[in-house]
Amino acid sequence: MPRPVRVRRVCEEPKYTKFVPDGASEAATETLTIEEYEVIRHVDYQKLTHEECAQKMAISRTTVTELYETARYKIADSIITGKILCIEGGNYRVCEGGECCIARTNPCSDDSCGAASGE
């Protein structure tokens, strides 16, 4: 019997959830989960290592790597084939009160985790 999937922690839901290439048809879409978005945000945007990302999201480093590879493929597919990219769904919970930032050397850069990030 497989182990139950751990709920992934994200600092905030994305502000923008749909990207449409000019001239794209509504039929061709690619869906990026919120967890995949969060991994891309931490690794590519905030320049964190996979280990640091794993700590912030309360998941294993290997799970981060799997999510990262899947997310990059979906983004590339969307860009190359002109698919609409939607960001939605997944198995996650939003960070409550800065728990992902407490005692970390790299707190959330946009203070999206709340006032407790200074604890």
PDB file of N, CA and C in Angstrom:
ATOM      1  N   MET A   1       0.847  -1.177   0.000  1.00  0.00           N
ATOM      2  CA  MET A   1       0.000   0.000   0.000  1.00  0.00           C
ATOM      3  C   MET A   1       0.894   1.241   0.000  1.00  0.00           C
ATOM      4  N   PRO A   2       0.650   2.173  -0.921  1.00  0.00           N
ATOM      5  CA  PRO A   2       1.477   3.377  -0.977  1.00  0.00           C
ATOM      6  C   PRO A   2       1.231   4.286   0.215  1.00  0.00           C
ATOM      7  N   ARG A   3       2.242   5.057   0.509  1.00  0.00           N
ATOM      8  CA  ARG A   3       2.149   6.024   1.583  1.00  0.00           C
ATOM      9  C   ARG A   3       1.201   7.157   1.178  1.00  0.00           C
ATOM     10  N   PRO A   4       0.431   7.719   2.113  1.00  0.00           N
ATOM     11  CA  PRO A   4      -0.462   8.826   1.750  1.00  0.00           C
ATOM     12  C   PRO A   4       0.340  10.058   1.308  1.00  0.00           C
ATOM     13  N   VAL A   5      -0.214  10.803   0.376  1.00  0.00           N
ATOM     14  CA  VAL A   5       0.450  12.000  -0.130  1.00  0.00           C
ATOM     15  C   VAL A   5       0.414  13.082   0.936  1.00  0.00           C
ATOM     16  N   ARG A   6       1.566  13.673   1.207  1.00  0.00           N
ATOM     17  CA  ARG A   6       1.677  14.748   2.185  1.00  0.00           C
ATOM     18  C   ARG A   6       1.127  16.040   1.594  1.00  0.00           C
ATOM     19  N   VAL A   7       0.389  16.777   2.384  1.00  0.00           N
ATOM     20  CA  VAL A   7      -0.130  18.073   1.937  1.00  0.00           C
ATOM     21  C   VAL A   7       1.052  19.026   1.849  1.00  0.00           C
ATOM     22  N   ARG A   8       1.173  19.681   0.715  1.00  0.00           N
ATOM     23  CA  ARG A   8       2.316  20.584   0.496  1.00  0.00           C
ATOM     24  C   ARG A   8       1.967  21.983   0.983  1.00  0.00           C
ATOM     25  N   ARG A   9       2.942  22.660   1.570  1.00  0.00           N
ATOM     26  CA  ARG A   9       2.740  23.997   2.122  1.00  0.00           C
ATOM     27  C   ARG A   9       3.193  25.037   1.097  1.00  0.00           C
ATOM     28  N   VAL A  10       2.358  26.020   0.827  1.00  0.00           N
ATOM     29  CA  VAL A  10       2.720  27.123  -0.062  1.00  0.00           C
ATOM     30  C   VAL A  10       2.544  28.432   0.691  1.00  0.00           C
ATOM     31  N   CYS A  11       3.339  29.427   0.359  1.00  0.00           N
ATOM     32  CA  CYS A  11       3.268  30.715   1.056  1.00  0.00           C
ATOM     33  C   CYS A  11       2.042  31.516   0.668  1.00  0.00           C
ATOM     34  N   GLU A  12       1.657  31.428  -0.600  1.00  0.00           N
ATOM     35  CA  GLU A  12       0.461  32.127  -1.067  1.00  0.00           C
ATOM     36  C   GLU A  12       0.051  31.551  -2.408  1.00  0.00           C
ATOM     37  N   GLU A  13      -1.216  31.711  -2.726  1.00  0.00           N
ATOM     38  CA  GLU A  13      -1.684  31.289  -4.037  1.00  0.00           C
ATOM     39  C   GLU A  13      -1.224  32.317  -5.069  1.00  0.00           C
ATOM     40  N   PRO A  14      -1.047  31.901  -6.313  1.00  0.00           N
ATOM     41  CA  PRO A  14      -0.551  32.848  -7.326  1.00  0.00           C
ATOM     42  C   PRO A  14      -1.532  33.986  -7.591  1.00  0.00           C
ATOM     43  N   LYS A  15      -0.990  35.151  -7.873  1.00  0.00           N
ATOM     44  CA  LYS A  15      -1.822  36.316  -8.181  1.00  0.00           C
ATOM     45  C   LYS A  15      -2.423  36.192  -9.581  1.00  0.00           C
ATOM     46  N   TYR A  16      -1.689  35.562 -10.481  1.00  0.00           N
ATOM     47  CA  TYR A  16      -2.126  35.384 -11.864  1.00  0.00           C
ATOM     48  C   TYR A  16      -2.242  33.893 -12.127  1.00  0.00           C
ATOM     49  N   THR A  17      -3.373  33.454 -12.646  1.00  0.00           N
ATOM     50  CA  THR A  17      -3.617  32.025 -12.786  1.00  0.00           C
ATOM     51  C   THR A  17      -3.803  31.554 -14.221  1.00  0.00           C
ATOM     52  N   LYS A  18      -3.694  32.465 -15.178  1.00  0.00           N
ATOM     53  CA  LYS A  18      -3.880  32.051 -16.567  1.00  0.00           C
ATOM     54  C   LYS A  18      -3.005  32.903 -17.476  1.00  0.00           C
ATOM     55  N   PHE A  19      -2.260  32.241 -18.353  1.00  0.00           N
ATOM     56  CA  PHE A  19      -1.405  32.907 -19.320  1.00  0.00           C
ATOM     57  C   PHE A  19      -1.802  32.409 -20.699  1.00  0.00           C
ATOM     58  N   VAL A  20      -2.145  33.361 -21.568  1.00  0.00           N
ATOM     59  CA  VAL A  20      -2.666  32.999 -22.878  1.00  0.00           C
ATOM     60  C   VAL A  20      -1.749  33.557 -23.971  1.00  0.00           C
ATOM     61  N   PRO A  21      -1.159  32.674 -24.781  1.00  0.00           N
ATOM     62  CA  PRO A  21      -0.354  33.158 -25.906  1.00  0.00           C
ATOM     63  C   PRO A  21      -1.244  33.834 -26.952  1.00  0.00           C
ATOM     64  N   ASP A  22      -0.721  34.828 -27.597  1.00  0.00           N
ATOM     65  CA  ASP A  22      -1.465  35.526 -28.635  1.00  0.00           C
ATOM     66  C   ASP A  22      -1.837  34.541 -29.736  1.00  0.00           C
ATOM     67  N   GLY A  23      -3.124  34.429 -30.021  1.00  0.00           N
ATOM     68  CA  GLY A  23      -3.597  33.532 -31.067  1.00  0.00           C
ATOM     69  C   GLY A  23      -3.834  32.098 -30.627  1.00  0.00           C
ATOM     70  N   ALA A  24      -3.723  31.809 -29.344  1.00  0.00           N
ATOM     71  CA  ALA A  24      -3.928  30.441 -28.840  1.00  0.00           C
ATOM     72  C   ALA A  24      -5.403  30.080 -28.886  1.00  0.00           C
ATOM     73  N   SER A  25      -5.664  28.792 -29.170  1.00  0.00           N
ATOM     74  CA  SER A  25      -7.056  28.334 -29.145  1.00  0.00           C
ATOM     75  C   SER A  25      -7.400  27.909 -27.723  1.00  0.00           C
ATOM     76  N   GLU A  26      -8.647  28.070 -27.350  1.00  0.00           N
ATOM     77  CA  GLU A  26      -9.103  27.733 -25.992  1.00  0.00           C
ATOM     78  C   GLU A  26      -9.021  26.230 -25.725  1.00  0.00           C
ATOM     79  N   ALA A  27      -8.957  25.419 -26.785  1.00  0.00           N
ATOM     80  CA  ALA A  27      -8.943  23.964 -26.627  1.00  0.00           C
ATOM     81  C   ALA A  27      -7.608  23.444 -26.093  1.00  0.00           C
ATOM     82  N   ALA A  28      -6.519  24.096 -26.430  1.00  0.00           N
ATOM     83  CA  ALA A  28      -5.198  23.609 -26.032  1.00  0.00           C
ATOM     84  C   ALA A  28      -4.757  24.281 -24.735  1.00  0.00           C
ATOM     85  N   THR A  29      -4.780  23.536 -23.626  1.00  0.00           N
ATOM     86  CA  THR A  29      -4.359  24.087 -22.336  1.00  0.00           C
ATOM     87  C   THR A  29      -3.393  23.140 -21.637  1.00  0.00           C
ATOM     88  N   GLU A  30      -2.609  23.696 -20.771  1.00  0.00           N
ATOM     89  CA  GLU A  30      -1.700  22.954 -19.894  1.00  0.00           C
ATOM     90  C   GLU A  30      -1.973  23.461 -18.493  1.00  0.00           C
ATOM     91  N   THR A  31      -2.115  22.545 -17.524  1.00  0.00           N
ATOM     92  CA  THR A  31      -2.429  22.948 -16.157  1.00  0.00           C
ATOM     93  C   THR A  31      -1.245  22.686 -15.240  1.00  0.00           C
ATOM     94  N   LEU A  32      -0.782  23.734 -14.593  1.00  0.00           N
ATOM     95  CA  LEU A  32       0.289  23.687 -13.610  1.00  0.00           C
ATOM     96  C   LEU A  32      -0.378  23.704 -12.238  1.00  0.00           C
ATOM     97  N   THR A  33      -0.038  22.753 -11.367  1.00  0.00           N
ATOM     98  CA  THR A  33      -0.645  22.751 -10.037  1.00  0.00           C
ATOM     99  C   THR A  33      -0.021  23.859  -9.186  1.00  0.00           C
ATOM    100  N   ILE A  34      -0.692  24.200  -8.108  1.00  0.00           N
ATOM    101  CA  ILE A  34      -0.193  25.242  -7.199  1.00  0.00           C
ATOM    102  C   ILE A  34       1.156  24.821  -6.614  1.00  0.00           C
ATOM    103  N   GLU A  35       1.331  23.521  -6.307  1.00  0.00           N
ATOM    104  CA  GLU A  35       2.615  23.049  -5.766  1.00  0.00           C
ATOM    105  C   GLU A  35       3.734  23.187  -6.786  1.00  0.00           C
ATOM    106  N   GLU A  36       3.441  22.894  -8.045  1.00  0.00           N
ATOM    107  CA  GLU A  36       4.453  23.051  -9.096  1.00  0.00           C
ATOM    108  C   GLU A  36       4.825  24.521  -9.250  1.00  0.00           C
ATOM    109  N   TYR A  37       3.818  25.388  -9.209  1.00  0.00           N
ATOM    110  CA  TYR A  37       4.061  26.830  -9.253  1.00  0.00           C
ATOM    111  C   TYR A  37       4.973  27.266  -8.095  1.00  0.00           C
ATOM    112  N   GLU A  38       4.688  26.762  -6.892  1.00  0.00           N
ATOM    113  CA  GLU A  38       5.457  27.148  -5.710  1.00  0.00           C
ATOM    114  C   GLU A  38       6.911  26.695  -5.822  1.00  0.00           C
ATOM    115  N   VAL A  39       7.129  25.501  -6.351  1.00  0.00           N
ATOM    116  CA  VAL A  39       8.501  25.014  -6.543  1.00  0.00           C
ATOM    117  C   VAL A  39       9.231  25.901  -7.543  1.00  0.00           C
ATOM    118  N   ILE A  40       8.591  26.245  -8.651  1.00  0.00           N
ATOM    119  CA  ILE A  40       9.208  27.138  -9.640  1.00  0.00           C
ATOM    120  C   ILE A  40       9.520  28.493  -8.999  1.00  0.00           C
ATOM    121  N   ARG A  41       8.593  28.993  -8.195  1.00  0.00           N
ATOM    122  CA  ARG A  41       8.796  30.294  -7.528  1.00  0.00           C
ATOM    123  C   ARG A  41      10.008  30.256  -6.607  1.00  0.00           C
ATOM    124  N   HIS A  42      10.108  29.195  -5.811  1.00  0.00           N
ATOM    125  CA  HIS A  42      11.240  29.095  -4.883  1.00  0.00           C
ATOM    126  C   HIS A  42      12.571  28.846  -5.607  1.00  0.00           C
ATOM    127  N   VAL A  43      12.593  27.902  -6.524  1.00  0.00           N
ATOM    128  CA  VAL A  43      13.859  27.493  -7.151  1.00  0.00           C
ATOM    129  C   VAL A  43      14.326  28.484  -8.211  1.00  0.00           C
ATOM    130  N   ASP A  44      13.449  28.855  -9.136  1.00  0.00           N
ATOM    131  CA  ASP A  44      13.884  29.722 -10.239  1.00  0.00           C
ATOM    132  C   ASP A  44      13.792  31.208  -9.916  1.00  0.00           C
ATOM    133  N   TYR A  45      12.776  31.622  -9.176  1.00  0.00           N
ATOM    134  CA  TYR A  45      12.588  33.044  -8.896  1.00  0.00           C
ATOM    135  C   TYR A  45      13.365  33.501  -7.668  1.00  0.00           C
ATOM    136  N   GLN A  46      13.276  32.709  -6.577  1.00  0.00           N
ATOM    137  CA  GLN A  46      13.980  33.083  -5.351  1.00  0.00           C
ATOM    138  C   GLN A  46      15.386  32.489  -5.268  1.00  0.00           C
ATOM    139  N   LYS A  47      15.749  31.652  -6.226  1.00  0.00           N
ATOM    140  CA  LYS A  47      17.090  31.046  -6.302  1.00  0.00           C
ATOM    141  C   LYS A  47      17.429  30.180  -5.090  1.00  0.00           C
ATOM    142  N   LEU A  48      16.438  29.458  -4.555  1.00  0.00           N
ATOM    143  CA  LEU A  48      16.686  28.541  -3.444  1.00  0.00           C
ATOM    144  C   LEU A  48      17.139  27.194  -3.995  1.00  0.00           C
ATOM    145  N   THR A  49      17.835  26.438  -3.171  1.00  0.00           N
ATOM    146  CA  THR A  49      18.191  25.072  -3.556  1.00  0.00           C
ATOM    147  C   THR A  49      16.954  24.190  -3.392  1.00  0.00           C
ATOM    148  N   HIS A  50      17.030  22.987  -3.935  1.00  0.00           N
ATOM    149  CA  HIS A  50      15.913  22.055  -3.771  1.00  0.00           C
ATOM    150  C   HIS A  50      15.724  21.706  -2.298  1.00  0.00           C
ATOM    151  N   GLU A  51      16.809  21.625  -1.562  1.00  0.00           N
ATOM    152  CA  GLU A  51      16.736  21.331  -0.120  1.00  0.00           C
ATOM    153  C   GLU A  51      16.025  22.455   0.632  1.00  0.00           C
ATOM    154  N   GLU A  52      16.378  23.702   0.345  1.00  0.00           N
ATOM    155  CA  GLU A  52      15.722  24.846   0.996  1.00  0.00           C
ATOM    156  C   GLU A  52      14.238  24.915   0.628  1.00  0.00           C
ATOM    157  N   CYS A  53      13.946  24.649  -0.630  1.00  0.00           N
ATOM    158  CA  CYS A  53      12.552  24.625  -1.083  1.00  0.00           C
ATOM    159  C   CYS A  53      11.775  23.538  -0.343  1.00  0.00           C
ATOM    160  N   ALA A  54      12.378  22.375  -0.198  1.00  0.00           N
ATOM    161  CA  ALA A  54      11.731  21.261   0.507  1.00  0.00           C
ATOM    162  C   ALA A  54      11.401  21.646   1.946  1.00  0.00           C
ATOM    163  N   GLN A  55      12.307  22.327   2.616  1.00  0.00           N
ATOM    164  CA  GLN A  55      12.063  22.757   3.993  1.00  0.00           C
ATOM    165  C   GLN A  55      10.898  23.730   4.060  1.00  0.00           C
ATOM    166  N   LYS A  56      10.843  24.687   3.146  1.00  0.00           N
ATOM    167  CA  LYS A  56       9.757  25.674   3.149  1.00  0.00           C
ATOM    168  C   LYS A  56       8.403  25.033   2.871  1.00  0.00           C
ATOM    169  N   MET A  57       8.389  23.990   2.026  1.00  0.00           N
ATOM    170  CA  MET A  57       7.125  23.371   1.633  1.00  0.00           C
ATOM    171  C   MET A  57       6.774  22.146   2.473  1.00  0.00           C
ATOM    172  N   ALA A  58       7.638  21.763   3.402  1.00  0.00           N
ATOM    173  CA  ALA A  58       7.424  20.614   4.289  1.00  0.00           C
ATOM    174  C   ALA A  58       7.257  19.312   3.500  1.00  0.00           C
ATOM    175  N   ILE A  59       8.139  19.137   2.501  1.00  0.00           N
ATOM    176  CA  ILE A  59       8.148  17.913   1.693  1.00  0.00           C
ATOM    177  C   ILE A  59       9.594  17.462   1.516  1.00  0.00           C
ATOM    178  N   SER A  60       9.807  16.315   0.915  1.00  0.00           N
ATOM    179  CA  SER A  60      11.169  15.819   0.720  1.00  0.00           C
ATOM    180  C   SER A  60      11.838  16.482  -0.485  1.00  0.00           C
ATOM    181  N   ARG A  61      13.151  16.443  -0.501  1.00  0.00           N
ATOM    182  CA  ARG A  61      13.905  17.013  -1.609  1.00  0.00           C
ATOM    183  C   ARG A  61      13.599  16.286  -2.910  1.00  0.00           C
ATOM    184  N   THR A  62      13.429  14.974  -2.853  1.00  0.00           N
ATOM    185  CA  THR A  62      13.117  14.226  -4.070  1.00  0.00           C
ATOM    186  C   THR A  62      11.747  14.614  -4.631  1.00  0.00           C
ATOM    187  N   THR A  63      10.803  14.922  -3.761  1.00  0.00           N
ATOM    188  CA  THR A  63       9.493  15.386  -4.219  1.00  0.00           C
ATOM    189  C   THR A  63       9.628  16.742  -4.895  1.00  0.00           C
ATOM    190  N   VAL A  64      10.459  17.618  -4.353  1.00  0.00           N
ATOM    191  CA  VAL A  64      10.707  18.916  -4.979  1.00  0.00           C
ATOM    192  C   VAL A  64      11.259  18.708  -6.390  1.00  0.00           C
ATOM    193  N   THR A  65      12.223  17.816  -6.522  1.00  0.00           N
ATOM    194  CA  THR A  65      12.824  17.553  -7.832  1.00  0.00           C
ATOM    195  C   THR A  65      11.785  17.031  -8.820  1.00  0.00           C
ATOM    196  N   GLU A  66      10.926  16.128  -8.373  1.00  0.00           N
ATOM    197  CA  GLU A  66       9.868  15.603  -9.248  1.00  0.00           C
ATOM    198  C   GLU A  66       8.904  16.708  -9.676  1.00  0.00           C
ATOM    199  N   LEU A  67       8.473  17.528  -8.727  1.00  0.00           N
ATOM    200  CA  LEU A  67       7.568  18.630  -9.041  1.00  0.00           C
ATOM    201  C   LEU A  67       8.227  19.632  -9.994  1.00  0.00           C
ATOM    202  N   TYR A  68       9.504  19.908  -9.758  1.00  0.00           N
ATOM    203  CA  TYR A  68      10.262  20.865 -10.578  1.00  0.00           C
ATOM    204  C   TYR A  68      10.367  20.385 -12.024  1.00  0.00           C
ATOM    205  N   GLU A  69      10.700  19.120 -12.211  1.00  0.00           N
ATOM    206  CA  GLU A  69      10.834  18.576 -13.564  1.00  0.00           C
ATOM    207  C   GLU A  69       9.493  18.587 -14.296  1.00  0.00           C
ATOM    208  N   THR A  70       8.427  18.209 -13.604  1.00  0.00           N
ATOM    209  CA  THR A  70       7.097  18.212 -14.205  1.00  0.00           C
ATOM    210  C   THR A  70       6.671  19.631 -14.576  1.00  0.00           C
ATOM    211  N   ALA A  71       6.903  20.576 -13.675  1.00  0.00           N
ATOM    212  CA  ALA A  71       6.525  21.969 -13.916  1.00  0.00           C
ATOM    213  C   ALA A  71       7.286  22.555 -15.094  1.00  0.00           C
ATOM    214  N   ARG A  72       8.579  22.308 -15.159  1.00  0.00           N
ATOM    215  CA  ARG A  72       9.371  22.849 -16.271  1.00  0.00           C
ATOM    216  C   ARG A  72       8.919  22.289 -17.606  1.00  0.00           C
ATOM    217  N   TYR A  73       8.562  21.001 -17.632  1.00  0.00           N
ATOM    218  CA  TYR A  73       8.067  20.415 -18.880  1.00  0.00           C
ATOM    219  C   TYR A  73       6.763  21.092 -19.298  1.00  0.00           C
ATOM    220  N   LYS A  74       5.846  21.274 -18.345  1.00  0.00           N
ATOM    221  CA  LYS A  74       4.556  21.892 -18.661  1.00  0.00           C
ATOM    222  C   LYS A  74       4.721  23.325 -19.166  1.00  0.00           C
ATOM    223  N   ILE A  75       5.624  24.084 -18.548  1.00  0.00           N
ATOM    224  CA  ILE A  75       5.877  25.461 -18.970  1.00  0.00           C
ATOM    225  C   ILE A  75       6.482  25.470 -20.365  1.00  0.00           C
ATOM    226  N   ALA A  76       7.450  24.606 -20.610  1.00  0.00           N
ATOM    227  CA  ALA A  76       8.077  24.525 -21.935  1.00  0.00           C
ATOM    228  C   ALA A  76       7.054  24.127 -22.990  1.00  0.00           C
ATOM    229  N   ASP A  77       6.212  23.145 -22.688  1.00  0.00           N
ATOM    230  CA  ASP A  77       5.182  22.697 -23.618  1.00  0.00           C
ATOM    231  C   ASP A  77       4.235  23.840 -23.958  1.00  0.00           C
ATOM    232  N   SER A  78       3.866  24.606 -22.960  1.00  0.00           N
ATOM    233  CA  SER A  78       2.963  25.732 -23.165  1.00  0.00           C
ATOM    234  C   SER A  78       3.605  26.795 -24.060  1.00  0.00           C
ATOM    235  N   ILE A  79       4.861  27.101 -23.827  1.00  0.00           N
ATOM    236  CA  ILE A  79       5.560  28.120 -24.610  1.00  0.00           C
ATOM    237  C   ILE A  79       5.801  27.652 -26.045  1.00  0.00           C
ATOM    238  N   ILE A  80       6.262  26.432 -26.202  1.00  0.00           N
ATOM    239  CA  ILE A  80       6.651  25.929 -27.519  1.00  0.00           C
ATOM    240  C   ILE A  80       5.449  25.628 -28.405  1.00  0.00           C
ATOM    241  N   THR A  81       4.399  25.052 -27.835  1.00  0.00           N
ATOM    242  CA  THR A  81       3.238  24.666 -28.646  1.00  0.00           C
ATOM    243  C   THR A  81       2.105  25.677 -28.590  1.00  0.00           C
ATOM    244  N   GLY A  82       2.258  26.762 -27.841  1.00  0.00           N
ATOM    245  CA  GLY A  82       1.249  27.817 -27.790  1.00  0.00           C
ATOM    246  C   GLY A  82       0.010  27.463 -27.000  1.00  0.00           C
ATOM    247  N   LYS A  83       0.168  26.604 -26.000  1.00  0.00           N
ATOM    248  CA  LYS A  83      -0.975  26.228 -25.165  1.00  0.00           C
ATOM    249  C   LYS A  83      -1.222  27.292 -24.094  1.00  0.00           C
ATOM    250  N   ILE A  84      -2.472  27.400 -23.680  1.00  0.00           N
ATOM    251  CA  ILE A  84      -2.828  28.267 -22.556  1.00  0.00           C
ATOM    252  C   ILE A  84      -2.303  27.600 -21.290  1.00  0.00           C
ATOM    253  N   LEU A  85      -1.659  28.362 -20.417  1.00  0.00           N
ATOM    254  CA  LEU A  85      -1.132  27.831 -19.159  1.00  0.00           C
ATOM    255  C   LEU A  85      -2.030  28.277 -18.017  1.00  0.00           C
ATOM    256  N   CYS A  86      -2.657  27.312 -17.348  1.00  0.00           N
ATOM    257  CA  CYS A  86      -3.518  27.583 -16.195  1.00  0.00           C
ATOM    258  C   CYS A  86      -2.820  27.085 -14.936  1.00  0.00           C
ATOM    259  N   ILE A  87      -2.909  27.851 -13.865  1.00  0.00           N
ATOM    260  CA  ILE A  87      -2.321  27.452 -12.586  1.00  0.00           C
ATOM    261  C   ILE A  87      -3.473  27.244 -11.617  1.00  0.00           C
ATOM    262  N   GLU A  88      -3.700  25.964 -11.243  1.00  0.00           N
ATOM    263  CA  GLU A  88      -4.818  25.651 -10.355  1.00  0.00           C
ATOM    264  C   GLU A  88      -4.694  24.230  -9.830  1.00  0.00           C
ATOM    265  N   GLY A  89      -5.415  23.979  -8.746  1.00  0.00           N
ATOM    266  CA  GLY A  89      -5.533  22.630  -8.205  1.00  0.00           C
ATOM    267  C   GLY A  89      -4.313  22.148  -7.454  1.00  0.00           C
ATOM    268  N   GLY A  90      -4.399  20.910  -7.016  1.00  0.00           N
ATOM    269  CA  GLY A  90      -3.302  20.285  -6.295  1.00  0.00           C
ATOM    270  C   GLY A  90      -3.671  19.922  -4.873  1.00  0.00           C
ATOM    271  N   ASN A  91      -2.683  19.456  -4.135  1.00  0.00           N
ATOM    272  CA  ASN A  91      -2.850  19.017  -2.752  1.00  0.00           C
ATOM    273  C   ASN A  91      -1.969  19.907  -1.881  1.00  0.00           C
ATOM    274  N   TYR A  92      -2.504  21.036  -1.459  1.00  0.00           N
ATOM    275  CA  TYR A  92      -1.696  22.022  -0.740  1.00  0.00           C
ATOM    276  C   TYR A  92      -2.517  22.722   0.328  1.00  0.00           C
ATOM    277  N   ARG A  93      -1.796  23.441   1.180  1.00  0.00           N
ATOM    278  CA  ARG A  93      -2.421  24.350   2.137  1.00  0.00           C
ATOM    279  C   ARG A  93      -1.581  25.615   2.170  1.00  0.00           C
ATOM    280  N   VAL A  94      -2.243  26.737   2.364  1.00  0.00           N
ATOM    281  CA  VAL A  94      -1.548  28.022   2.393  1.00  0.00           C
ATOM    282  C   VAL A  94      -0.919  28.214   3.762  1.00  0.00           C
ATOM    283  N   CYS A  95       0.297  28.700   3.790  1.00  0.00           N
ATOM    284  CA  CYS A  95       1.056  28.978   5.006  1.00  0.00           C
ATOM    285  C   CYS A  95       0.229  29.870   5.930  1.00  0.00           C
ATOM    286  N   GLU A  96       0.151  29.481   7.182  1.00  0.00           N
ATOM    287  CA  GLU A  96      -0.632  30.244   8.159  1.00  0.00           C
ATOM    288  C   GLU A  96       0.282  30.899   9.177  1.00  0.00           C
ATOM    289  N   GLY A  97       0.369  32.215   9.146  1.00  0.00           N
ATOM    290  CA  GLY A  97       1.119  32.945  10.149  1.00  0.00           C
ATOM    291  C   GLY A  97       2.619  32.879  10.037  1.00  0.00           C
ATOM    292  N   GLY A  98       3.139  32.566   8.868  1.00  0.00           N
ATOM    293  CA  GLY A  98       4.571  32.624   8.651  1.00  0.00           C
ATOM    294  C   GLY A  98       5.339  31.391   9.037  1.00  0.00           C
ATOM    295  N   GLU A  99       4.682  30.231   9.194  1.00  0.00           N
ATOM    296  CA  GLU A  99       5.390  29.024   9.622  1.00  0.00           C
ATOM    297  C   GLU A  99       6.480  28.593   8.642  1.00  0.00           C
ATOM    298  N   CYS A 100       6.335  28.919   7.361  1.00  0.00           N
ATOM    299  CA  CYS A 100       7.365  28.525   6.404  1.00  0.00           C
ATOM    300  C   CYS A 100       8.572  29.448   6.489  1.00  0.00           C
ATOM    301  N   CYS A 101       8.430  30.566   7.155  1.00  0.00           N
ATOM    302  CA  CYS A 101       9.517  31.533   7.239  1.00  0.00           C
ATOM    303  C   CYS A 101      10.238  31.523   8.582  1.00  0.00           C
ATOM    304  N   ILE A 102       9.642  30.918   9.604  1.00  0.00           N
ATOM    305  CA  ILE A 102      10.226  30.947  10.937  1.00  0.00           C
ATOM    306  C   ILE A 102      11.558  30.201  10.949  1.00  0.00           C
ATOM    307  N   ALA A 103      12.565  30.835  11.515  1.00  0.00           N
ATOM    308  CA  ALA A 103      13.902  30.248  11.693  1.00  0.00           C
ATOM    309  C   ALA A 103      14.539  29.837  10.375  1.00  0.00           C
ATOM    310  N   ARG A 104      14.220  30.506   9.303  1.00  0.00           N
ATOM    311  CA  ARG A 104      14.838  30.229   8.010  1.00  0.00           C
ATOM    312  C   ARG A 104      15.772  31.377   7.673  1.00  0.00           C
ATOM    313  N   THR A 105      16.859  31.061   7.002  1.00  0.00           N
ATOM    314  CA  THR A 105      17.774  32.123   6.597  1.00  0.00           C
ATOM    315  C   THR A 105      17.238  32.882   5.391  1.00  0.00           C
ATOM    316  N   ASN A 106      16.323  32.274   4.630  1.00  0.00           N
ATOM    317  CA  ASN A 106      15.741  32.920   3.455  1.00  0.00           C
ATOM    318  C   ASN A 106      14.230  33.023   3.621  1.00  0.00           C
ATOM    319  N   PRO A 107      13.727  34.010   4.379  1.00  0.00           N
ATOM    320  CA  PRO A 107      12.285  34.131   4.529  1.00  0.00           C
ATOM    321  C   PRO A 107      11.643  34.478   3.193  1.00  0.00           C
ATOM    322  N   CYS A 108      10.347  34.316   3.114  1.00  0.00           N
ATOM    323  CA  CYS A 108       9.630  34.663   1.885  1.00  0.00           C
ATOM    324  C   CYS A 108       9.966  36.103   1.534  1.00  0.00           C
ATOM    325  N   SER A 109      10.428  36.312   0.328  1.00  0.00           N
ATOM    326  CA  SER A 109      10.934  37.624  -0.054  1.00  0.00           C
ATOM    327  C   SER A 109       9.867  38.698  -0.135  1.00  0.00           C
ATOM    328  N   ASP A 110       8.606  38.300  -0.337  1.00  0.00           N
ATOM    329  CA  ASP A 110       7.563  39.293  -0.503  1.00  0.00           C
ATOM    330  C   ASP A 110       6.678  39.430   0.730  1.00  0.00           C
ATOM    331  N   ASP A 111       7.118  38.940   1.871  1.00  0.00           N
ATOM    332  CA  ASP A 111       6.372  38.996   3.129  1.00  0.00           C
ATOM    333  C   ASP A 111       4.965  38.408   3.021  1.00  0.00           C
ATOM    334  N   SER A 112       4.799  37.460   2.096  1.00  0.00           N
ATOM    335  CA  SER A 112       3.475  36.890   1.885  1.00  0.00           C
ATOM    336  C   SER A 112       3.083  35.902   2.969  1.00  0.00           C
ATOM    337  N   CYS A 113       4.011  35.560   3.858  1.00  0.00           N
ATOM    338  CA  CYS A 113       3.695  34.568   4.885  1.00  0.00           C
ATOM    339  C   CYS A 113       3.199  35.198   6.171  1.00  0.00           C
ATOM    340  N   GLY A 114       3.051  36.482   6.220  1.00  0.00           N
ATOM    341  CA  GLY A 114       2.445  37.104   7.387  1.00  0.00           C
ATOM    342  C   GLY A 114       3.447  37.729   8.351  1.00  0.00           C
ATOM    343  N   ALA A 115       2.932  38.271   9.407  1.00  0.00           N
ATOM    344  CA  ALA A 115       3.729  39.029  10.361  1.00  0.00           C
ATOM    345  C   ALA A 115       4.637  38.163  11.201  1.00  0.00           C
ATOM    346  N   ALA A 116       4.379  36.881  11.289  1.00  0.00           N
ATOM    347  CA  ALA A 116       5.175  36.000  12.155  1.00  0.00           C
ATOM    348  C   ALA A 116       6.539  35.684  11.572  1.00  0.00           C
ATOM    349  N   SER A 117       6.849  36.170  10.363  1.00  0.00           N
ATOM    350  CA  SER A 117       8.119  35.827   9.748  1.00  0.00           C
ATOM    351  C   SER A 117       9.315  36.404  10.497  1.00  0.00           C
ATOM    352  N   GLY A 118       9.113  37.351  11.376  1.00  0.00           N
ATOM    353  CA  GLY A 118      10.205  37.928  12.136  1.00  0.00           C
ATOM    354  C   GLY A 118      10.489  37.223  13.443  1.00  0.00           C
ATOM    355  N   GLU A 119       9.746  36.145  13.758  1.00  0.00           N
ATOM    356  CA  GLU A 119       9.942  35.456  15.031  1.00  0.00           C
ATOM    357  C   GLU A 119      11.257  34.734  15.088  1.00  0.00           C
TER     358      GLU A 119
END
